[in-house]
mmCIF file of all heavy atoms, coordinates in Angstrom:
data_MODEL
# 
_entry.id   MODEL 
# 
loop_
_atom_site.group_PDB 
_atom_site.id 
_atom_site.type_symbol 
_atom_site.label_atom_id 
_atom_site.label_alt_id 
_atom_site.label_comp_id 
_atom_site.label_asym_id 
_atom_site.label_entity_id 
_atom_site.label_seq_id 
_atom_site.pdbx_PDB_ins_code 
_atom_site.Cartn_x 
_atom_site.Cartn_y 
_atom_site.Cartn_z 
_atom_site.occupancy 
_atom_site.B_iso_or_equiv 
_atom_site.pdbx_formal_charge 
_atom_site.auth_seq_id 
_atom_site.auth_comp_id 
_atom_site.auth_asym_id 
_atom_site.auth_atom_id 
_atom_site.pdbx_PDB_model_num 
ATOM 1   N N   . LEU A 1 1  ? 101.693 115.126 142.862 1.00 0.00 ? 1  LEU A N   1 
ATOM 2   C CA  . LEU A 1 1  ? 100.626 114.855 143.813 1.00 0.00 ? 1  LEU A CA  1 
ATOM 3   C C   . LEU A 1 1  ? 100.628 115.978 144.833 1.00 0.00 ? 1  LEU A C   1 
ATOM 4   O O   . LEU A 1 1  ? 101.661 116.296 145.425 1.00 0.00 ? 1  LEU A O   1 
ATOM 5   C CB  . LEU A 1 1  ? 100.838 113.507 144.514 1.00 0.00 ? 1  LEU A CB  1 
ATOM 6   C CG  . LEU A 1 1  ? 99.723  113.086 145.462 1.00 0.00 ? 1  LEU A CG  1 
ATOM 7   C CD1 . LEU A 1 1  ? 98.424  112.811 144.694 1.00 0.00 ? 1  LEU A CD1 1 
ATOM 8   C CD2 . LEU A 1 1  ? 100.131 111.859 146.255 1.00 0.00 ? 1  LEU A CD2 1 
ATOM 9   N N   . TYR A 1 2  ? 99.449  116.584 145.017 1.00 0.00 ? 2  TYR A N   1 
ATOM 10  C CA  . TYR A 1 2  ? 99.286  117.706 145.937 1.00 0.00 ? 2  TYR A CA  1 
ATOM 11  C C   . TYR A 1 2  ? 98.404  117.278 147.101 1.00 0.00 ? 2  TYR A C   1 
ATOM 12  O O   . TYR A 1 2  ? 97.530  116.438 146.946 1.00 0.00 ? 2  TYR A O   1 
ATOM 13  C CB  . TYR A 1 2  ? 98.644  118.891 145.222 1.00 0.00 ? 2  TYR A CB  1 
ATOM 14  C CG  . TYR A 1 2  ? 99.556  119.548 144.206 1.00 0.00 ? 2  TYR A CG  1 
ATOM 15  C CD1 . TYR A 1 2  ? 99.812  118.959 142.980 1.00 0.00 ? 2  TYR A CD1 1 
ATOM 16  C CD2 . TYR A 1 2  ? 100.163 120.770 144.483 1.00 0.00 ? 2  TYR A CD2 1 
ATOM 17  C CE1 . TYR A 1 2  ? 100.644 119.553 142.056 1.00 0.00 ? 2  TYR A CE1 1 
ATOM 18  C CE2 . TYR A 1 2  ? 101.004 121.376 143.562 1.00 0.00 ? 2  TYR A CE2 1 
ATOM 19  C CZ  . TYR A 1 2  ? 101.236 120.761 142.343 1.00 0.00 ? 2  TYR A CZ  1 
ATOM 20  O OH  . TYR A 1 2  ? 102.062 121.357 141.432 1.00 0.00 ? 2  TYR A OH  1 
ATOM 21  N N   . ARG A 1 3  ? 98.623  117.930 148.257 1.00 0.00 ? 3  ARG A N   1 
ATOM 22  C CA  . ARG A 1 3  ? 97.839  117.619 149.456 1.00 0.00 ? 3  ARG A CA  1 
ATOM 23  C C   . ARG A 1 3  ? 97.360  118.932 150.078 1.00 0.00 ? 3  ARG A C   1 
ATOM 24  O O   . ARG A 1 3  ? 98.096  119.917 150.130 1.00 0.00 ? 3  ARG A O   1 
ATOM 25  C CB  . ARG A 1 3  ? 98.694  116.859 150.457 1.00 0.00 ? 3  ARG A CB  1 
ATOM 26  C CG  . ARG A 1 3  ? 98.019  116.632 151.799 1.00 0.00 ? 3  ARG A CG  1 
ATOM 27  C CD  . ARG A 1 3  ? 98.823  115.747 152.730 1.00 0.00 ? 3  ARG A CD  1 
ATOM 28  N NE  . ARG A 1 3  ? 100.144 116.291 153.004 1.00 0.00 ? 3  ARG A NE  1 
ATOM 29  C CZ  . ARG A 1 3  ? 101.138 115.576 153.518 1.00 0.00 ? 3  ARG A CZ  1 
ATOM 30  N NH1 . ARG A 1 3  ? 100.977 114.306 153.815 1.00 0.00 ? 3  ARG A NH1 1 
ATOM 31  N NH2 . ARG A 1 3  ? 102.311 116.123 153.738 1.00 0.00 ? 3  ARG A NH2 1 
ATOM 32  N N   . THR A 1 4  ? 96.125  118.911 150.552 1.00 0.00 ? 4  THR A N   1 
ATOM 33  C CA  . THR A 1 4  ? 95.598  120.007 151.348 1.00 0.00 ? 4  THR A CA  1 
ATOM 34  C C   . THR A 1 4  ? 95.170  119.452 152.699 1.00 0.00 ? 4  THR A C   1 
ATOM 35  O O   . THR A 1 4  ? 94.680  118.325 152.784 1.00 0.00 ? 4  THR A O   1 
ATOM 36  C CB  . THR A 1 4  ? 94.404  120.706 150.658 1.00 0.00 ? 4  THR A CB  1 
ATOM 37  O OG1 . THR A 1 4  ? 93.919  121.755 151.511 1.00 0.00 ? 4  THR A OG1 1 
ATOM 38  C CG2 . THR A 1 4  ? 93.264  119.749 150.360 1.00 0.00 ? 4  THR A CG2 1 
ATOM 39  N N   . LEU A 1 5  ? 95.367  120.233 153.730 1.00 0.00 ? 5  LEU A N   1 
ATOM 40  C CA  . LEU A 1 5  ? 94.946  119.849 155.076 1.00 0.00 ? 5  LEU A CA  1 
ATOM 41  C C   . LEU A 1 5  ? 93.745  120.678 155.525 1.00 0.00 ? 5  LEU A C   1 
ATOM 42  O O   . LEU A 1 5  ? 93.277  120.526 156.656 1.00 0.00 ? 5  LEU A O   1 
ATOM 43  C CB  . LEU A 1 5  ? 96.107  120.028 156.060 1.00 0.00 ? 5  LEU A CB  1 
ATOM 44  C CG  . LEU A 1 5  ? 97.384  119.253 155.712 1.00 0.00 ? 5  LEU A CG  1 
ATOM 45  C CD1 . LEU A 1 5  ? 98.501  119.606 156.678 1.00 0.00 ? 5  LEU A CD1 1 
ATOM 46  C CD2 . LEU A 1 5  ? 97.120  117.757 155.695 1.00 0.00 ? 5  LEU A CD2 1 
ATOM 47  N N   . ASP A 1 6  ? 93.253  121.567 154.632 1.00 0.00 ? 6  ASP A N   1 
ATOM 48  C CA  . ASP A 1 6  ? 92.177  122.484 154.993 1.00 0.00 ? 6  ASP A CA  1 
ATOM 49  C C   . ASP A 1 6  ? 91.081  122.552 153.927 1.00 0.00 ? 6  ASP A C   1 
ATOM 50  O O   . ASP A 1 6  ? 90.569  123.611 153.613 1.00 0.00 ? 6  ASP A O   1 
ATOM 51  C CB  . ASP A 1 6  ? 92.734  123.879 155.285 1.00 0.00 ? 6  ASP A CB  1 
ATOM 52  C CG  . ASP A 1 6  ? 93.548  124.440 154.121 1.00 0.00 ? 6  ASP A CG  1 
ATOM 53  O OD1 . ASP A 1 6  ? 93.465  123.909 152.992 1.00 0.00 ? 6  ASP A OD1 1 
ATOM 54  O OD2 . ASP A 1 6  ? 94.276  125.417 154.348 1.00 0.00 ? 6  ASP A OD2 1 
ATOM 55  N N   . ARG A 1 7  ? 90.750  121.398 153.365 1.00 0.00 ? 7  ARG A N   1 
ATOM 56  C CA  . ARG A 1 7  ? 89.661  121.268 152.385 1.00 0.00 ? 7  ARG A CA  1 
ATOM 57  C C   . ARG A 1 7  ? 89.856  122.128 151.138 1.00 0.00 ? 7  ARG A C   1 
ATOM 58  O O   . ARG A 1 7  ? 88.907  122.637 150.570 1.00 0.00 ? 7  ARG A O   1 
ATOM 59  C CB  . ARG A 1 7  ? 88.318  121.575 153.011 1.00 0.00 ? 7  ARG A CB  1 
ATOM 60  C CG  . ARG A 1 7  ? 87.894  120.581 154.043 1.00 0.00 ? 7  ARG A CG  1 
ATOM 61  C CD  . ARG A 1 7  ? 86.520  120.887 154.551 1.00 0.00 ? 7  ARG A CD  1 
ATOM 62  N NE  . ARG A 1 7  ? 86.130  119.878 155.510 1.00 0.00 ? 7  ARG A NE  1 
ATOM 63  C CZ  . ARG A 1 7  ? 84.899  119.478 155.684 1.00 0.00 ? 7  ARG A CZ  1 
ATOM 64  N NH1 . ARG A 1 7  ? 83.937  119.987 154.974 1.00 0.00 ? 7  ARG A NH1 1 
ATOM 65  N NH2 . ARG A 1 7  ? 84.626  118.563 156.572 1.00 0.00 ? 7  ARG A NH2 1 
ATOM 66  N N   . GLY A 1 8  ? 91.094  122.284 150.714 1.00 0.00 ? 8  GLY A N   1 
ATOM 67  C CA  . GLY A 1 8  ? 91.363  122.945 149.449 1.00 0.00 ? 8  GLY A CA  1 
ATOM 68  C C   . GLY A 1 8  ? 91.720  124.415 149.506 1.00 0.00 ? 8  GLY A C   1 
ATOM 69  O O   . GLY A 1 8  ? 91.972  125.018 148.464 1.00 0.00 ? 8  GLY A O   1 
ATOM 70  N N   . ARG A 1 9  ? 91.778  125.002 150.682 1.00 0.00 ? 9  ARG A N   1 
ATOM 71  C CA  . ARG A 1 9  ? 92.166  126.419 150.750 1.00 0.00 ? 9  ARG A CA  1 
ATOM 72  C C   . ARG A 1 9  ? 93.634  126.605 150.382 1.00 0.00 ? 9  ARG A C   1 
ATOM 73  O O   . ARG A 1 9  ? 93.982  127.543 149.683 1.00 0.00 ? 9  ARG A O   1 
ATOM 74  C CB  . ARG A 1 9  ? 91.885  126.989 152.136 1.00 0.00 ? 9  ARG A CB  1 
ATOM 75  C CG  . ARG A 1 9  ? 90.419  127.259 152.391 1.00 0.00 ? 9  ARG A CG  1 
ATOM 76  C CD  . ARG A 1 9  ? 90.225  127.981 153.733 1.00 0.00 ? 9  ARG A CD  1 
ATOM 77  N NE  . ARG A 1 9  ? 88.989  127.568 154.342 1.00 0.00 ? 9  ARG A NE  1 
ATOM 78  C CZ  . ARG A 1 9  ? 88.803  126.508 155.118 1.00 0.00 ? 9  ARG A CZ  1 
ATOM 79  N NH1 . ARG A 1 9  ? 89.799  125.719 155.407 1.00 0.00 ? 9  ARG A NH1 1 
ATOM 80  N NH2 . ARG A 1 9  ? 87.622  126.222 155.624 1.00 0.00 ? 9  ARG A NH2 1 
ATOM 81  N N   . THR A 1 10 ? 94.489  125.717 150.885 1.00 0.00 ? 10 THR A N   1 
ATOM 82  C CA  . THR A 1 10 ? 95.917  125.777 150.554 1.00 0.00 ? 10 THR A CA  1 
ATOM 83  C C   . THR A 1 10 ? 96.382  124.388 150.138 1.00 0.00 ? 10 THR A C   1 
ATOM 84  O O   . THR A 1 10 ? 95.875  123.388 150.639 1.00 0.00 ? 10 THR A O   1 
ATOM 85  C CB  . THR A 1 10 ? 96.762  126.253 151.758 1.00 0.00 ? 10 THR A CB  1 
ATOM 86  O OG1 . THR A 1 10 ? 96.563  125.351 152.850 1.00 0.00 ? 10 THR A OG1 1 
ATOM 87  C CG2 . THR A 1 10 ? 96.369  127.665 152.172 1.00 0.00 ? 10 THR A CG2 1 
ATOM 88  N N   . TRP A 1 11 ? 97.346  124.346 149.226 1.00 0.00 ? 11 TRP A N   1 
ATOM 89  C CA  . TRP A 1 11 ? 97.852  123.082 148.701 1.00 0.00 ? 11 TRP A CA  1 
ATOM 90  C C   . TRP A 1 11 ? 99.370  123.084 148.738 1.00 0.00 ? 11 TRP A C   1 
ATOM 91  O O   . TRP A 1 11 ? 100.000 124.130 148.577 1.00 0.00 ? 11 TRP A O   1 
ATOM 92  C CB  . TRP A 1 11 ? 97.406  122.887 147.244 1.00 0.00 ? 11 TRP A CB  1 
ATOM 93  C CG  . TRP A 1 11 ? 95.950  122.668 147.086 1.00 0.00 ? 11 TRP A CG  1 
ATOM 94  C CD1 . TRP A 1 11 ? 94.993  123.635 146.918 1.00 0.00 ? 11 TRP A CD1 1 
ATOM 95  C CD2 . TRP A 1 11 ? 95.264  121.426 147.058 1.00 0.00 ? 11 TRP A CD2 1 
ATOM 96  N NE1 . TRP A 1 11 ? 93.763  123.063 146.797 1.00 0.00 ? 11 TRP A NE1 1 
ATOM 97  C CE2 . TRP A 1 11 ? 93.893  121.702 146.875 1.00 0.00 ? 11 TRP A CE2 1 
ATOM 98  C CE3 . TRP A 1 11 ? 95.673  120.095 147.167 1.00 0.00 ? 11 TRP A CE3 1 
ATOM 99  C CZ2 . TRP A 1 11 ? 92.937  120.706 146.801 1.00 0.00 ? 11 TRP A CZ2 1 
ATOM 100 C CZ3 . TRP A 1 11 ? 94.724  119.098 147.095 1.00 0.00 ? 11 TRP A CZ3 1 
ATOM 101 C CH2 . TRP A 1 11 ? 93.362  119.404 146.915 1.00 0.00 ? 11 TRP A CH2 1 
ATOM 102 N N   . ARG A 1 12 ? 99.945  121.885 148.908 1.00 0.00 ? 12 ARG A N   1 
ATOM 103 C CA  . ARG A 1 12 ? 101.395 121.704 148.840 1.00 0.00 ? 12 ARG A CA  1 
ATOM 104 C C   . ARG A 1 12 ? 101.683 120.455 148.009 1.00 0.00 ? 12 ARG A C   1 
ATOM 105 O O   . ARG A 1 12 ? 101.056 119.417 148.206 1.00 0.00 ? 12 ARG A O   1 
ATOM 106 C CB  . ARG A 1 12 ? 101.975 121.535 150.230 1.00 0.00 ? 12 ARG A CB  1 
ATOM 107 C CG  . ARG A 1 12 ? 103.454 121.126 150.179 1.00 0.00 ? 12 ARG A CG  1 
ATOM 108 C CD  . ARG A 1 12 ? 104.065 121.074 151.508 1.00 0.00 ? 12 ARG A CD  1 
ATOM 109 N NE  . ARG A 1 12 ? 104.349 122.456 151.874 1.00 0.00 ? 12 ARG A NE  1 
ATOM 110 C CZ  . ARG A 1 12 ? 104.650 122.847 153.088 1.00 0.00 ? 12 ARG A CZ  1 
ATOM 111 N NH1 . ARG A 1 12 ? 104.690 121.979 154.068 1.00 0.00 ? 12 ARG A NH1 1 
ATOM 112 N NH2 . ARG A 1 12 ? 104.914 124.096 153.345 1.00 0.00 ? 12 ARG A NH2 1 
ATOM 113 N N   . ARG A 1 13 ? 102.642 120.555 147.101 1.00 0.00 ? 13 ARG A N   1 
ATOM 114 C CA  . ARG A 1 13 ? 103.036 119.385 146.307 1.00 0.00 ? 13 ARG A CA  1 
ATOM 115 C C   . ARG A 1 13 ? 103.881 118.460 147.177 1.00 0.00 ? 13 ARG A C   1 
ATOM 116 O O   . ARG A 1 13 ? 104.866 118.891 147.763 1.00 0.00 ? 13 ARG A O   1 
ATOM 117 C CB  . ARG A 1 13 ? 103.812 119.812 145.069 1.00 0.00 ? 13 ARG A CB  1 
ATOM 118 C CG  . ARG A 1 13 ? 104.180 118.640 144.199 1.00 0.00 ? 13 ARG A CG  1 
ATOM 119 C CD  . ARG A 1 13 ? 104.605 119.007 142.810 1.00 0.00 ? 13 ARG A CD  1 
ATOM 120 N NE  . ARG A 1 13 ? 105.636 120.014 142.797 1.00 0.00 ? 13 ARG A NE  1 
ATOM 121 C CZ  . ARG A 1 13 ? 106.197 120.463 141.674 1.00 0.00 ? 13 ARG A CZ  1 
ATOM 122 N NH1 . ARG A 1 13 ? 105.809 120.008 140.505 1.00 0.00 ? 13 ARG A NH1 1 
ATOM 123 N NH2 . ARG A 1 13 ? 107.123 121.383 141.735 1.00 0.00 ? 13 ARG A NH2 1 
ATOM 124 N N   . ILE A 1 14 ? 103.469 117.183 147.257 1.00 0.00 ? 14 ILE A N   1 
ATOM 125 C CA  . ILE A 1 14 ? 104.198 116.221 148.087 1.00 0.00 ? 14 ILE A CA  1 
ATOM 126 C C   . ILE A 1 14 ? 104.931 115.173 147.249 1.00 0.00 ? 14 ILE A C   1 
ATOM 127 O O   . ILE A 1 14 ? 105.714 114.405 147.785 1.00 0.00 ? 14 ILE A O   1 
ATOM 128 C CB  . ILE A 1 14 ? 103.281 115.537 149.119 1.00 0.00 ? 14 ILE A CB  1 
ATOM 129 C CG1 . ILE A 1 14 ? 102.160 114.745 148.453 1.00 0.00 ? 14 ILE A CG1 1 
ATOM 130 C CG2 . ILE A 1 14 ? 102.730 116.565 150.106 1.00 0.00 ? 14 ILE A CG2 1 
ATOM 131 C CD1 . ILE A 1 14 ? 101.366 113.862 149.402 1.00 0.00 ? 14 ILE A CD1 1 
ATOM 132 N N   . ALA A 1 15 ? 104.664 115.141 145.944 1.00 0.00 ? 15 ALA A N   1 
ATOM 133 C CA  . ALA A 1 15 ? 105.403 114.249 145.034 1.00 0.00 ? 15 ALA A CA  1 
ATOM 134 C C   . ALA A 1 15 ? 105.524 114.951 143.693 1.00 0.00 ? 15 ALA A C   1 
ATOM 135 O O   . ALA A 1 15 ? 104.529 115.405 143.131 1.00 0.00 ? 15 ALA A O   1 
ATOM 136 C CB  . ALA A 1 15 ? 104.690 112.914 144.868 1.00 0.00 ? 15 ALA A CB  1 
ATOM 137 N N   . LYS A 1 16 ? 106.717 115.046 143.205 1.00 0.00 ? 16 LYS A N   1 
ATOM 138 C CA  . LYS A 1 16 ? 106.986 115.743 141.953 1.00 0.00 ? 16 LYS A CA  1 
ATOM 139 C C   . LYS A 1 16 ? 107.190 114.709 140.844 1.00 0.00 ? 16 LYS A C   1 
ATOM 140 O O   . LYS A 1 16 ? 108.298 114.273 140.583 1.00 0.00 ? 16 LYS A O   1 
ATOM 141 C CB  . LYS A 1 16 ? 108.218 116.627 142.114 1.00 0.00 ? 16 LYS A CB  1 
ATOM 142 C CG  . LYS A 1 16 ? 108.487 117.506 140.939 1.00 0.00 ? 16 LYS A CG  1 
ATOM 143 C CD  . LYS A 1 16 ? 109.672 118.415 141.207 1.00 0.00 ? 16 LYS A CD  1 
ATOM 144 C CE  . LYS A 1 16 ? 109.960 119.283 140.014 1.00 0.00 ? 16 LYS A CE  1 
ATOM 145 N NZ  . LYS A 1 16 ? 111.109 120.158 140.245 1.00 0.00 ? 16 LYS A NZ  1 
ATOM 146 N N   . LYS A 1 17 ? 106.106 114.318 140.240 1.00 0.00 ? 17 LYS A N   1 
ATOM 147 C CA  . LYS A 1 17 ? 106.124 113.410 139.098 1.00 0.00 ? 17 LYS A CA  1 
ATOM 148 C C   . LYS A 1 17 ? 105.465 114.120 137.930 1.00 0.00 ? 17 LYS A C   1 
ATOM 149 O O   . LYS A 1 17 ? 104.582 114.959 138.109 1.00 0.00 ? 17 LYS A O   1 
ATOM 150 C CB  . LYS A 1 17 ? 105.384 112.101 139.405 1.00 0.00 ? 17 LYS A CB  1 
ATOM 151 C CG  . LYS A 1 17 ? 106.053 111.257 140.441 1.00 0.00 ? 17 LYS A CG  1 
ATOM 152 C CD  . LYS A 1 17 ? 107.363 110.741 139.922 1.00 0.00 ? 17 LYS A CD  1 
ATOM 153 C CE  . LYS A 1 17 ? 108.177 110.077 141.006 1.00 0.00 ? 17 LYS A CE  1 
ATOM 154 N NZ  . LYS A 1 17 ? 109.581 109.997 140.650 1.00 0.00 ? 17 LYS A NZ  1 
ATOM 155 N N   . TYR A 1 18 ? 105.851 113.753 136.734 1.00 0.00 ? 18 TYR A N   1 
ATOM 156 C CA  . TYR A 1 18 ? 105.427 114.440 135.528 1.00 0.00 ? 18 TYR A CA  1 
ATOM 157 C C   . TYR A 1 18 ? 103.927 114.313 135.259 1.00 0.00 ? 18 TYR A C   1 
ATOM 158 O O   . TYR A 1 18 ? 103.266 115.297 134.969 1.00 0.00 ? 18 TYR A O   1 
ATOM 159 C CB  . TYR A 1 18 ? 106.262 113.868 134.379 1.00 0.00 ? 18 TYR A CB  1 
ATOM 160 C CG  . TYR A 1 18 ? 106.114 114.526 133.052 1.00 0.00 ? 18 TYR A CG  1 
ATOM 161 C CD1 . TYR A 1 18 ? 106.256 115.892 132.913 1.00 0.00 ? 18 TYR A CD1 1 
ATOM 162 C CD2 . TYR A 1 18 ? 105.858 113.771 131.922 1.00 0.00 ? 18 TYR A CD2 1 
ATOM 163 C CE1 . TYR A 1 18 ? 106.140 116.498 131.679 1.00 0.00 ? 18 TYR A CE1 1 
ATOM 164 C CE2 . TYR A 1 18 ? 105.752 114.360 130.691 1.00 0.00 ? 18 TYR A CE2 1 
ATOM 165 C CZ  . TYR A 1 18 ? 105.888 115.728 130.566 1.00 0.00 ? 18 TYR A CZ  1 
ATOM 166 O OH  . TYR A 1 18 ? 105.784 116.320 129.345 1.00 0.00 ? 18 TYR A OH  1 
ATOM 167 N N   . ARG A 1 19 ? 103.383 113.116 135.381 1.00 0.00 ? 19 ARG A N   1 
ATOM 168 C CA  . ARG A 1 19 ? 101.978 112.878 135.018 1.00 0.00 ? 19 ARG A CA  1 
ATOM 169 C C   . ARG A 1 19 ? 101.296 111.997 136.057 1.00 0.00 ? 19 ARG A C   1 
ATOM 170 O O   . ARG A 1 19 ? 101.236 110.786 135.923 1.00 0.00 ? 19 ARG A O   1 
ATOM 171 C CB  . ARG A 1 19 ? 101.903 112.214 133.649 1.00 0.00 ? 19 ARG A CB  1 
ATOM 172 C CG  . ARG A 1 19 ? 102.401 113.111 132.551 1.00 0.00 ? 19 ARG A CG  1 
ATOM 173 C CD  . ARG A 1 19 ? 102.399 112.405 131.229 1.00 0.00 ? 19 ARG A CD  1 
ATOM 174 N NE  . ARG A 1 19 ? 102.711 113.365 130.182 1.00 0.00 ? 19 ARG A NE  1 
ATOM 175 C CZ  . ARG A 1 19 ? 103.060 113.051 128.970 1.00 0.00 ? 19 ARG A CZ  1 
ATOM 176 N NH1 . ARG A 1 19 ? 103.149 111.779 128.623 1.00 0.00 ? 19 ARG A NH1 1 
ATOM 177 N NH2 . ARG A 1 19 ? 103.323 113.979 128.082 1.00 0.00 ? 19 ARG A NH2 1 
ATOM 178 N N   . VAL A 1 20 ? 100.733 112.611 137.084 1.00 0.00 ? 20 VAL A N   1 
ATOM 179 C CA  . VAL A 1 20 ? 100.033 111.867 138.133 1.00 0.00 ? 20 VAL A CA  1 
ATOM 180 C C   . VAL A 1 20 ? 98.562  111.771 137.768 1.00 0.00 ? 20 VAL A C   1 
ATOM 181 O O   . VAL A 1 20 ? 97.926  112.763 137.442 1.00 0.00 ? 20 VAL A O   1 
ATOM 182 C CB  . VAL A 1 20 ? 100.213 112.526 139.515 1.00 0.00 ? 20 VAL A CB  1 
ATOM 183 C CG1 . VAL A 1 20 ? 99.376  111.822 140.571 1.00 0.00 ? 20 VAL A CG1 1 
ATOM 184 C CG2 . VAL A 1 20 ? 101.688 112.512 139.910 1.00 0.00 ? 20 VAL A CG2 1 
ATOM 185 N N   . GLU A 1 21 ? 98.044  110.555 137.813 1.00 0.00 ? 21 GLU A N   1 
ATOM 186 C CA  . GLU A 1 21 ? 96.634  110.299 137.501 1.00 0.00 ? 21 GLU A CA  1 
ATOM 187 C C   . GLU A 1 21 ? 95.764  110.352 138.746 1.00 0.00 ? 21 GLU A C   1 
ATOM 188 O O   . GLU A 1 21 ? 94.754  111.022 138.786 1.00 0.00 ? 21 GLU A O   1 
ATOM 189 C CB  . GLU A 1 21 ? 96.480  108.923 136.843 1.00 0.00 ? 21 GLU A CB  1 
ATOM 190 C CG  . GLU A 1 21 ? 97.074  108.818 135.463 1.00 0.00 ? 21 GLU A CG  1 
ATOM 191 C CD  . GLU A 1 21 ? 96.224  109.463 134.394 1.00 0.00 ? 21 GLU A CD  1 
ATOM 192 O OE1 . GLU A 1 21 ? 95.047  109.785 134.643 1.00 0.00 ? 21 GLU A OE1 1 
ATOM 193 O OE2 . GLU A 1 21 ? 96.751  109.655 133.289 1.00 0.00 ? 21 GLU A OE2 1 
ATOM 194 N N   . SER A 1 22 ? 96.138  109.585 139.787 1.00 0.00 ? 22 SER A N   1 
ATOM 195 C CA  . SER A 1 22 ? 95.283  109.426 140.952 1.00 0.00 ? 22 SER A CA  1 
ATOM 196 C C   . SER A 1 22 ? 96.108  108.920 142.125 1.00 0.00 ? 22 SER A C   1 
ATOM 197 O O   . SER A 1 22 ? 97.329  108.754 142.015 1.00 0.00 ? 22 SER A O   1 
ATOM 198 C CB  . SER A 1 22 ? 94.159  108.426 140.636 1.00 0.00 ? 22 SER A CB  1 
ATOM 199 O OG  . SER A 1 22 ? 93.253  108.325 141.699 1.00 0.00 ? 22 SER A OG  1 
ATOM 200 N N   . CYS A 1 23 ? 95.411  108.663 143.236 1.00 0.00 ? 23 CYS A N   1 
ATOM 201 C CA  . CYS A 1 23 ? 96.054  108.070 144.405 1.00 0.00 ? 23 CYS A CA  1 
ATOM 202 C C   . CYS A 1 23 ? 94.995  107.367 145.231 1.00 0.00 ? 23 CYS A C   1 
ATOM 203 O O   . CYS A 1 23 ? 93.799  107.533 145.000 1.00 0.00 ? 23 CYS A O   1 
ATOM 204 C CB  . CYS A 1 23 ? 96.786  109.130 145.227 1.00 0.00 ? 23 CYS A CB  1 
ATOM 205 S SG  . CYS A 1 23 ? 95.695  110.283 146.058 1.00 0.00 ? 23 CYS A SG  1 
ATOM 206 N N   . ALA A 1 24 ? 95.441  106.584 146.207 1.00 0.00 ? 24 ALA A N   1 
ATOM 207 C CA  . ALA A 1 24 ? 94.521  105.892 147.110 1.00 0.00 ? 24 ALA A CA  1 
ATOM 208 C C   . ALA A 1 24 ? 95.216  105.679 148.448 1.00 0.00 ? 24 ALA A C   1 
ATOM 209 O O   . ALA A 1 24 ? 96.340  105.194 148.495 1.00 0.00 ? 24 ALA A O   1 
ATOM 210 C CB  . ALA A 1 24 ? 94.097  104.542 146.532 1.00 0.00 ? 24 ALA A CB  1 
ATOM 211 N N   . VAL A 1 25 ? 94.523  106.061 149.527 1.00 0.00 ? 25 VAL A N   1 
ATOM 212 C CA  . VAL A 1 25 ? 95.031  105.874 150.884 1.00 0.00 ? 25 VAL A CA  1 
ATOM 213 C C   . VAL A 1 25 ? 94.645  104.475 151.349 1.00 0.00 ? 25 VAL A C   1 
ATOM 214 O O   . VAL A 1 25 ? 93.498  104.053 151.200 1.00 0.00 ? 25 VAL A O   1 
ATOM 215 C CB  . VAL A 1 25 ? 94.443  106.931 151.844 1.00 0.00 ? 25 VAL A CB  1 
ATOM 216 C CG1 . VAL A 1 25 ? 94.963  106.725 153.263 1.00 0.00 ? 25 VAL A CG1 1 
ATOM 217 C CG2 . VAL A 1 25 ? 94.755  108.342 151.357 1.00 0.00 ? 25 VAL A CG2 1 
ATOM 218 N N   . ASP A 1 26 ? 95.603  103.760 151.904 1.00 0.00 ? 26 ASP A N   1 
ATOM 219 C CA  . ASP A 1 26 ? 95.367  102.411 152.410 1.00 0.00 ? 26 ASP A CA  1 
ATOM 220 C C   . ASP A 1 26 ? 94.339  102.468 153.541 1.00 0.00 ? 26 ASP A C   1 
ATOM 221 O O   . ASP A 1 26 ? 94.558  103.170 154.536 1.00 0.00 ? 26 ASP A O   1 
ATOM 222 C CB  . ASP A 1 26 ? 96.691  101.836 152.914 1.00 0.00 ? 26 ASP A CB  1 
ATOM 223 C CG  . ASP A 1 26 ? 96.619  100.380 153.319 1.00 0.00 ? 26 ASP A CG  1 
ATOM 224 O OD1 . ASP A 1 26 ? 95.539  99.920  153.752 1.00 0.00 ? 26 ASP A OD1 1 
ATOM 225 O OD2 . ASP A 1 26 ? 97.650  99.703  153.223 1.00 0.00 ? 26 ASP A OD2 1 
ATOM 226 N N   . PRO A 1 27 ? 93.226  101.739 153.435 1.00 0.00 ? 27 PRO A N   1 
ATOM 227 C CA  . PRO A 1 27 ? 92.210  101.791 154.487 1.00 0.00 ? 27 PRO A CA  1 
ATOM 228 C C   . PRO A 1 27 ? 92.663  101.151 155.801 1.00 0.00 ? 27 PRO A C   1 
ATOM 229 O O   . PRO A 1 27 ? 92.080  101.405 156.845 1.00 0.00 ? 27 PRO A O   1 
ATOM 230 C CB  . PRO A 1 27 ? 91.033  101.022 153.888 1.00 0.00 ? 27 PRO A CB  1 
ATOM 231 C CG  . PRO A 1 27 ? 91.628  100.136 152.862 1.00 0.00 ? 27 PRO A CG  1 
ATOM 232 C CD  . PRO A 1 27 ? 92.836  100.862 152.329 1.00 0.00 ? 27 PRO A CD  1 
# 
């Protein structure tokens, strides 16, 4: 799972799992 704080200009991996499908932030 990767995260960007600048709309996709830079990315950082925040979870190292083999096969990530999706995610959802708790509203």
